[in-house]
């Protein structure tokens, strides 16, 4: 799958397009095929390093938590999507 990620803090120039393995959802996770995504102020603050003292990340980091899409797979503990 393709993803936009960063490996070092900085401006928009640190963002890179990468090909990564499809994620495998954990027992209480769902895999979503993303159709639309948004960027909010927290995303650029994390990317810039402004939040590094309060928000730890593992790099490379894939920013973005505002998504819309289709659930394609869920872990065995998922019983409801509401």
PDB file of N, CA and C in Angstrom:
ATOM      1  N   UNK A   1       0.839  -1.162   0.000  1.00  0.00           N
ATOM      2  CA  UNK A   1       0.000   0.000   0.000  1.00  0.00           C
ATOM      3  C   UNK A   1       0.888   1.229   0.000  1.00  0.00           C
ATOM      4  N   UNK A   2       0.362   2.331  -0.479  1.00  0.00           N
ATOM      5  CA  UNK A   2       1.100   3.589  -0.481  1.00  0.00           C
ATOM      6  C   UNK A   2       0.727   4.404   0.743  1.00  0.00           C
ATOM      7  N   UNK A   3       1.710   5.114   1.268  1.00  0.00           N
ATOM      8  CA  UNK A   3       1.477   5.961   2.418  1.00  0.00           C
ATOM      9  C   UNK A   3       2.349   7.213   2.315  1.00  0.00           C
ATOM     10  N   UNK A   4       1.924   8.252   2.976  1.00  0.00           N
ATOM     11  CA  UNK A   4       2.750   9.448   3.128  1.00  0.00           C
ATOM     12  C   UNK A   4       3.264   9.408   4.556  1.00  0.00           C
ATOM     13  N   UNK A   5       4.568   9.552   4.717  1.00  0.00           N
ATOM     14  CA  UNK A   5       5.169   9.439   6.039  1.00  0.00           C
ATOM     15  C   UNK A   5       6.357  10.388   6.158  1.00  0.00           C
ATOM     16  N   UNK A   6       6.890  10.490   7.388  1.00  0.00           N
ATOM     17  CA  UNK A   6       8.124  11.249   7.575  1.00  0.00           C
ATOM     18  C   UNK A   6       9.018  10.526   8.567  1.00  0.00           C
ATOM     19  N   UNK A   7      10.315  10.688   8.383  1.00  0.00           N
ATOM     20  CA  UNK A   7      11.308  10.050   9.241  1.00  0.00           C
ATOM     21  C   UNK A   7      12.066  11.045  10.107  1.00  0.00           C
ATOM     22  N   UNK A   8      11.944  12.330   9.799  1.00  0.00           N
ATOM     23  CA  UNK A   8      12.585  13.362  10.606  1.00  0.00           C
ATOM     24  C   UNK A   8      11.641  14.542  10.728  1.00  0.00           C
ATOM     25  N   UNK A   9      11.809  15.322  11.779  1.00  0.00           N
ATOM     26  CA  UNK A   9      10.973  16.498  11.984  1.00  0.00           C
ATOM     27  C   UNK A   9      11.339  17.583  10.987  1.00  0.00           C
ATOM     28  N   UNK A  10      10.346  18.411  10.631  1.00  0.00           N
ATOM     29  CA  UNK A  10      10.607  19.519   9.727  1.00  0.00           C
ATOM     30  C   UNK A  10       9.330  20.008   9.080  1.00  0.00           C
ATOM     31  N   UNK A  11       9.497  20.748   8.001  1.00  0.00           N
ATOM     32  CA  UNK A  11       8.367  21.287   7.255  1.00  0.00           C
ATOM     33  C   UNK A  11       7.799  20.254   6.294  1.00  0.00           C
ATOM     34  N   UNK A  12       6.928  20.685   5.390  1.00  0.00           N
ATOM     35  CA  UNK A  12       6.303  19.766   4.444  1.00  0.00           C
ATOM     36  C   UNK A  12       7.305  18.990   3.592  1.00  0.00           C
ATOM     37  N   UNK A  13       8.519  19.520   3.444  1.00  0.00           N
ATOM     38  CA  UNK A  13       9.520  18.855   2.612  1.00  0.00           C
ATOM     39  C   UNK A  13       9.981  17.514   3.179  1.00  0.00           C
ATOM     40  N   UNK A  14       9.723  17.222   4.473  1.00  0.00           N
ATOM     41  CA  UNK A  14      10.137  15.936   5.047  1.00  0.00           C
ATOM     42  C   UNK A  14       9.147  14.820   4.727  1.00  0.00           C
ATOM     43  N   UNK A  15       7.973  15.165   4.205  1.00  0.00           N
ATOM     44  CA  UNK A  15       6.991  14.154   3.841  1.00  0.00           C
ATOM     45  C   UNK A  15       7.470  13.370   2.625  1.00  0.00           C
ATOM     46  N   UNK A  16       7.276  12.061   2.664  1.00  0.00           N
ATOM     47  CA  UNK A  16       7.692  11.218   1.548  1.00  0.00           C
ATOM     48  C   UNK A  16       6.633  10.171   1.246  1.00  0.00           C
ATOM     49  N   UNK A  17       6.475   9.860  -0.021  1.00  0.00           N
ATOM     50  CA  UNK A  17       5.576   8.804  -0.460  1.00  0.00           C
ATOM     51  C   UNK A  17       6.341   7.499  -0.357  1.00  0.00           C
ATOM     52  N   UNK A  18       5.735   6.490   0.270  1.00  0.00           N
ATOM     53  CA  UNK A  18       6.419   5.210   0.463  1.00  0.00           C
ATOM     54  C   UNK A  18       5.467   4.050   0.187  1.00  0.00           C
ATOM     55  N   UNK A  19       6.037   2.954  -0.204  1.00  0.00           N
ATOM     56  CA  UNK A  19       5.298   1.702  -0.384  1.00  0.00           C
ATOM     57  C   UNK A  19       5.588   0.851   0.845  1.00  0.00           C
ATOM     58  N   UNK A  20       4.535   0.425   1.558  1.00  0.00           N
ATOM     59  CA  UNK A  20       4.697  -0.375   2.774  1.00  0.00           C
ATOM     60  C   UNK A  20       3.787  -1.596   2.704  1.00  0.00           C
ATOM     61  N   UNK A  21       4.075  -2.580   3.556  1.00  0.00           N
ATOM     62  CA  UNK A  21       3.227  -3.767   3.632  1.00  0.00           C
ATOM     63  C   UNK A  21       1.847  -3.387   4.172  1.00  0.00           C
ATOM     64  N   UNK A  22       0.826  -4.117   3.731  1.00  0.00           N
ATOM     65  CA  UNK A  22      -0.511  -3.891   4.270  1.00  0.00           C
ATOM     66  C   UNK A  22      -0.506  -4.197   5.763  1.00  0.00           C
ATOM     67  N   UNK A  23      -1.111  -3.338   6.583  1.00  0.00           N
ATOM     68  CA  UNK A  23      -1.150  -3.601   8.021  1.00  0.00           C
ATOM     69  C   UNK A  23      -2.072  -4.779   8.333  1.00  0.00           C
ATOM     70  N   UNK A  24      -1.772  -5.474   9.415  1.00  0.00           N
ATOM     71  CA  UNK A  24      -2.609  -6.566   9.893  1.00  0.00           C
ATOM     72  C   UNK A  24      -3.291  -6.080  11.165  1.00  0.00           C
ATOM     73  N   UNK A  25      -4.630  -6.016  11.173  1.00  0.00           N
ATOM     74  CA  UNK A  25      -5.308  -5.497  12.368  1.00  0.00           C
ATOM     75  C   UNK A  25      -5.119  -6.418  13.571  1.00  0.00           C
ATOM     76  N   UNK A  26      -4.937  -5.793  14.747  1.00  0.00           N
ATOM     77  CA  UNK A  26      -4.868  -6.554  15.989  1.00  0.00           C
ATOM     78  C   UNK A  26      -6.248  -7.065  16.367  1.00  0.00           C
ATOM     79  N   UNK A  27      -6.351  -7.764  17.481  1.00  0.00           N
ATOM     80  CA  UNK A  27      -7.616  -8.402  17.861  1.00  0.00           C
ATOM     81  C   UNK A  27      -8.763  -7.417  18.041  1.00  0.00           C
ATOM     82  N   UNK A  28      -8.466  -6.174  18.446  1.00  0.00           N
ATOM     83  CA  UNK A  28      -9.538  -5.200  18.646  1.00  0.00           C
ATOM     84  C   UNK A  28      -9.426  -4.013  17.681  1.00  0.00           C
ATOM     85  N   UNK A  29      -8.817  -4.246  16.524  1.00  0.00           N
ATOM     86  CA  UNK A  29      -8.642  -3.211  15.497  1.00  0.00           C
ATOM     87  C   UNK A  29      -9.418  -3.542  14.234  1.00  0.00           C
ATOM     88  N   UNK A  30      -9.623  -2.511  13.412  1.00  0.00           N
ATOM     89  CA  UNK A  30     -10.209  -2.693  12.087  1.00  0.00           C
ATOM     90  C   UNK A  30      -9.297  -2.058  11.053  1.00  0.00           C
ATOM     91  N   UNK A  31      -9.204  -2.674   9.897  1.00  0.00           N
ATOM     92  CA  UNK A  31      -8.458  -2.138   8.772  1.00  0.00           C
ATOM     93  C   UNK A  31      -9.443  -1.394   7.881  1.00  0.00           C
ATOM     94  N   UNK A  32      -9.128  -0.139   7.565  1.00  0.00           N
ATOM     95  CA  UNK A  32     -10.015   0.704   6.762  1.00  0.00           C
ATOM     96  C   UNK A  32      -9.316   1.059   5.459  1.00  0.00           C
ATOM     97  N   UNK A  33      -9.988   0.832   4.346  1.00  0.00           N
ATOM     98  CA  UNK A  33      -9.500   1.293   3.050  1.00  0.00           C
ATOM     99  C   UNK A  33      -9.903   2.758   2.939  1.00  0.00           C
ATOM    100  N   UNK A  34      -8.931   3.641   3.022  1.00  0.00           N
ATOM    101  CA  UNK A  34      -9.202   5.075   3.108  1.00  0.00           C
ATOM    102  C   UNK A  34      -9.586   5.637   1.747  1.00  0.00           C
ATOM    103  N   UNK A  35     -10.685   6.368   1.728  1.00  0.00           N
ATOM    104  CA  UNK A  35     -11.144   7.031   0.510  1.00  0.00           C
ATOM    105  C   UNK A  35     -10.942   8.539   0.579  1.00  0.00           C
ATOM    106  N   UNK A  36     -10.899   9.086   1.780  1.00  0.00           N
ATOM    107  CA  UNK A  36     -10.660  10.521   1.970  1.00  0.00           C
ATOM    108  C   UNK A  36      -9.947  10.715   3.305  1.00  0.00           C
ATOM    109  N   UNK A  37      -9.066  11.704   3.347  1.00  0.00           N
ATOM    110  CA  UNK A  37      -8.319  11.983   4.569  1.00  0.00           C
ATOM    111  C   UNK A  37      -8.195  13.487   4.742  1.00  0.00           C
ATOM    112  N   UNK A  38      -8.079  13.898   5.991  1.00  0.00           N
ATOM    113  CA  UNK A  38      -7.907  15.312   6.290  1.00  0.00           C
ATOM    114  C   UNK A  38      -6.652  15.530   7.117  1.00  0.00           C
ATOM    115  N   UNK A  39      -6.171  16.742   7.101  1.00  0.00           N
ATOM    116  CA  UNK A  39      -5.014  17.126   7.901  1.00  0.00           C
ATOM    117  C   UNK A  39      -5.469  18.210   8.865  1.00  0.00           C
ATOM    118  N   UNK A  40      -5.143  18.036  10.140  1.00  0.00           N
ATOM    119  CA  UNK A  40      -5.535  19.033  11.131  1.00  0.00           C
ATOM    120  C   UNK A  40      -4.289  19.642  11.769  1.00  0.00           C
ATOM    121  N   UNK A  41      -4.433  20.663  12.586  1.00  0.00           N
ATOM    122  CA  UNK A  41      -3.265  21.321  13.180  1.00  0.00           C
ATOM    123  C   UNK A  41      -2.352  20.378  13.974  1.00  0.00           C
ATOM    124  N   UNK A  42      -2.907  19.376  14.636  1.00  0.00           N
ATOM    125  CA  UNK A  42      -2.058  18.454  15.384  1.00  0.00           C
ATOM    126  C   UNK A  42      -1.092  17.724  14.452  1.00  0.00           C
ATOM    127  N   UNK A  43      -1.541  17.380  13.244  1.00  0.00           N
ATOM    128  CA  UNK A  43      -0.673  16.671  12.297  1.00  0.00           C
ATOM    129  C   UNK A  43       0.574  17.477  11.956  1.00  0.00           C
ATOM    130  N   UNK A  44       0.427  18.757  11.630  1.00  0.00           N
ATOM    131  CA  UNK A  44       1.620  19.534  11.280  1.00  0.00           C
ATOM    132  C   UNK A  44       2.462  19.875  12.492  1.00  0.00           C
ATOM    133  N   UNK A  45       1.829  19.962  13.681  1.00  0.00           N
ATOM    134  CA  UNK A  45       2.609  20.211  14.894  1.00  0.00           C
ATOM    135  C   UNK A  45       3.472  18.994  15.237  1.00  0.00           C
ATOM    136  N   UNK A  46       2.930  17.793  15.026  1.00  0.00           N
ATOM    137  CA  UNK A  46       3.715  16.580  15.233  1.00  0.00           C
ATOM    138  C   UNK A  46       4.851  16.525  14.218  1.00  0.00           C
ATOM    139  N   UNK A  47       4.549  16.771  12.940  1.00  0.00           N
ATOM    140  CA  UNK A  47       5.563  16.718  11.880  1.00  0.00           C
ATOM    141  C   UNK A  47       6.693  17.718  12.120  1.00  0.00           C
ATOM    142  N   UNK A  48       6.368  18.905  12.614  1.00  0.00           N
ATOM    143  CA  UNK A  48       7.377  19.940  12.830  1.00  0.00           C
ATOM    144  C   UNK A  48       8.262  19.651  14.036  1.00  0.00           C
ATOM    145  N   UNK A  49       7.809  18.759  14.930  1.00  0.00           N
ATOM    146  CA  UNK A  49       8.544  18.477  16.160  1.00  0.00           C
ATOM    147  C   UNK A  49       8.063  19.308  17.329  1.00  0.00           C
ATOM    148  N   UNK A  50       7.104  20.176  17.083  1.00  0.00           N
ATOM    149  CA  UNK A  50       6.579  21.054  18.134  1.00  0.00           C
ATOM    150  C   UNK A  50       5.967  20.274  19.298  1.00  0.00           C
ATOM    151  N   UNK A  51       5.476  19.067  19.042  1.00  0.00           N
ATOM    152  CA  UNK A  51       4.812  18.271  20.080  1.00  0.00           C
ATOM    153  C   UNK A  51       5.696  17.146  20.629  1.00  0.00           C
ATOM    154  N   UNK A  52       6.974  17.102  20.271  1.00  0.00           N
ATOM    155  CA  UNK A  52       7.813  15.952  20.604  1.00  0.00           C
ATOM    156  C   UNK A  52       7.972  15.699  22.097  1.00  0.00           C
ATOM    157  N   UNK A  53       7.803  16.710  22.933  1.00  0.00           N
ATOM    158  CA  UNK A  53       7.933  16.501  24.374  1.00  0.00           C
ATOM    159  C   UNK A  53       6.670  15.927  25.007  1.00  0.00           C
ATOM    160  N   UNK A  54       5.533  16.032  24.319  1.00  0.00           N
ATOM    161  CA  UNK A  54       4.274  15.542  24.882  1.00  0.00           C
ATOM    162  C   UNK A  54       3.617  14.449  24.049  1.00  0.00           C
ATOM    163  N   UNK A  55       4.103  14.231  22.842  1.00  0.00           N
ATOM    164  CA  UNK A  55       3.490  13.248  21.942  1.00  0.00           C
ATOM    165  C   UNK A  55       4.594  12.428  21.301  1.00  0.00           C
ATOM    166  N   UNK A  56       4.898  11.264  21.875  1.00  0.00           N
ATOM    167  CA  UNK A  56       5.965  10.420  21.377  1.00  0.00           C
ATOM    168  C   UNK A  56       5.499   9.679  20.132  1.00  0.00           C
ATOM    169  N   UNK A  57       6.357   9.597  19.124  1.00  0.00           N
ATOM    170  CA  UNK A  57       6.022   8.856  17.903  1.00  0.00           C
ATOM    171  C   UNK A  57       7.170   7.922  17.545  1.00  0.00           C
ATOM    172  N   UNK A  58       6.833   6.848  16.857  1.00  0.00           N
ATOM    173  CA  UNK A  58       7.828   5.954  16.272  1.00  0.00           C
ATOM    174  C   UNK A  58       7.948   6.342  14.807  1.00  0.00           C
ATOM    175  N   UNK A  59       9.180   6.526  14.339  1.00  0.00           N
ATOM    176  CA  UNK A  59       9.391   6.939  12.957  1.00  0.00           C
ATOM    177  C   UNK A  59       9.922   5.786  12.130  1.00  0.00           C
ATOM    178  N   UNK A  60       9.533   5.671  10.882  1.00  0.00           N
ATOM    179  CA  UNK A  60       8.737   6.658  10.147  1.00  0.00           C
ATOM    180  C   UNK A  60       7.307   6.711  10.692  1.00  0.00           C
ATOM    181  N   UNK A  61       6.737   7.889  10.661  1.00  0.00           N
ATOM    182  CA  UNK A  61       5.408   8.148  11.203  1.00  0.00           C
ATOM    183  C   UNK A  61       4.467   8.526  10.064  1.00  0.00           C
ATOM    184  N   UNK A  62       3.272   7.944  10.095  1.00  0.00           N
ATOM    185  CA  UNK A  62       2.233   8.261   9.112  1.00  0.00           C
ATOM    186  C   UNK A  62       1.244   9.205   9.783  1.00  0.00           C
ATOM    187  N   UNK A  63       1.256  10.486   9.414  1.00  0.00           N
ATOM    188  CA  UNK A  63       0.343  11.438  10.056  1.00  0.00           C
ATOM    189  C   UNK A  63      -1.082  11.266   9.555  1.00  0.00           C
ATOM    190  N   UNK A  64      -1.997  11.792  10.332  1.00  0.00           N
ATOM    191  CA  UNK A  64      -3.395  11.820   9.906  1.00  0.00           C
ATOM    192  C   UNK A  64      -4.265  10.859  10.674  1.00  0.00           C
ATOM    193  N   UNK A  65      -5.308  11.370  11.256  1.00  0.00           N
ATOM    194  CA  UNK A  65      -6.262  10.526  11.963  1.00  0.00           C
ATOM    195  C   UNK A  65      -7.695  10.827  11.535  1.00  0.00           C
ATOM    196  N   UNK A  66      -7.853  11.806  10.663  1.00  0.00           N
ATOM    197  CA  UNK A  66      -9.180  12.133  10.142  1.00  0.00           C
ATOM    198  C   UNK A  66      -9.344  11.409   8.810  1.00  0.00           C
ATOM    199  N   UNK A  67     -10.102  10.303   8.860  1.00  0.00           N
ATOM    200  CA  UNK A  67     -10.256   9.497   7.654  1.00  0.00           C
ATOM    201  C   UNK A  67     -11.708   9.115   7.421  1.00  0.00           C
ATOM    202  N   UNK A  68     -11.977   8.732   6.195  1.00  0.00           N
ATOM    203  CA  UNK A  68     -13.265   8.183   5.827  1.00  0.00           C
ATOM    204  C   UNK A  68     -12.988   7.069   4.832  1.00  0.00           C
ATOM    205  N   UNK A  69     -13.699   5.969   4.961  1.00  0.00           N
ATOM    206  CA  UNK A  69     -13.455   4.867   4.043  1.00  0.00           C
ATOM    207  C   UNK A  69     -14.330   3.671   4.342  1.00  0.00           C
ATOM    208  N   UNK A  70     -13.849   2.523   3.890  1.00  0.00           N
ATOM    209  CA  UNK A  70     -14.605   1.280   3.983  1.00  0.00           C
ATOM    210  C   UNK A  70     -13.828   0.297   4.854  1.00  0.00           C
ATOM    211  N   UNK A  71     -14.523  -0.285   5.853  1.00  0.00           N
ATOM    212  CA  UNK A  71     -13.905  -1.295   6.708  1.00  0.00           C
ATOM    213  C   UNK A  71     -13.739  -2.563   5.874  1.00  0.00           C
ATOM    214  N   UNK A  72     -12.493  -3.065   5.796  1.00  0.00           N
ATOM    215  CA  UNK A  72     -12.236  -4.252   4.974  1.00  0.00           C
ATOM    216  C   UNK A  72     -11.896  -5.485   5.801  1.00  0.00           C
ATOM    217  N   UNK A  73     -11.466  -5.299   7.057  1.00  0.00           N
ATOM    218  CA  UNK A  73     -11.129  -6.437   7.898  1.00  0.00           C
ATOM    219  C   UNK A  73     -11.102  -5.998   9.349  1.00  0.00           C
ATOM    220  N   UNK A  74     -11.579  -6.868  10.236  1.00  0.00           N
ATOM    221  CA  UNK A  74     -11.560  -6.577  11.670  1.00  0.00           C
ATOM    222  C   UNK A  74     -10.957  -7.743  12.434  1.00  0.00           C
ATOM    223  N   UNK A  75     -10.379  -7.441  13.600  1.00  0.00           N
ATOM    224  CA  UNK A  75      -9.854  -8.466  14.485  1.00  0.00           C
ATOM    225  C   UNK A  75     -10.965  -9.257  15.150  1.00  0.00           C
ATOM    226  N   UNK A  76     -10.611 -10.387  15.716  1.00  0.00           N
ATOM    227  CA  UNK A  76     -11.608 -11.299  16.279  1.00  0.00           C
ATOM    228  C   UNK A  76     -12.374 -10.734  17.473  1.00  0.00           C
ATOM    229  N   UNK A  77     -11.834  -9.758  18.176  1.00  0.00           N
ATOM    230  CA  UNK A  77     -12.525  -9.178  19.339  1.00  0.00           C
ATOM    231  C   UNK A  77     -13.530  -8.090  18.951  1.00  0.00           C
ATOM    232  N   UNK A  78     -13.529  -7.670  17.698  1.00  0.00           N
ATOM    233  CA  UNK A  78     -14.450  -6.611  17.252  1.00  0.00           C
ATOM    234  C   UNK A  78     -15.813  -7.243  17.002  1.00  0.00           C
ATOM    235  N   UNK A  79     -16.815  -6.758  17.728  1.00  0.00           N
ATOM    236  CA  UNK A  79     -18.173  -7.292  17.581  1.00  0.00           C
ATOM    237  C   UNK A  79     -19.168  -6.247  17.097  1.00  0.00           C
ATOM    238  N   UNK A  80     -18.773  -4.963  17.136  1.00  0.00           N
ATOM    239  CA  UNK A  80     -19.686  -3.892  16.758  1.00  0.00           C
ATOM    240  C   UNK A  80     -18.869  -2.726  16.208  1.00  0.00           C
ATOM    241  N   UNK A  81     -19.379  -2.051  15.206  1.00  0.00           N
ATOM    242  CA  UNK A  81     -18.654  -0.931  14.614  1.00  0.00           C
ATOM    243  C   UNK A  81     -19.219   0.414  15.020  1.00  0.00           C
ATOM    244  N   UNK A  82     -20.099   0.457  15.982  1.00  0.00           N
ATOM    245  CA  UNK A  82     -20.671   1.735  16.415  1.00  0.00           C
ATOM    246  C   UNK A  82     -19.867   2.346  17.515  1.00  0.00           C
TER     247      UNK A  82
END
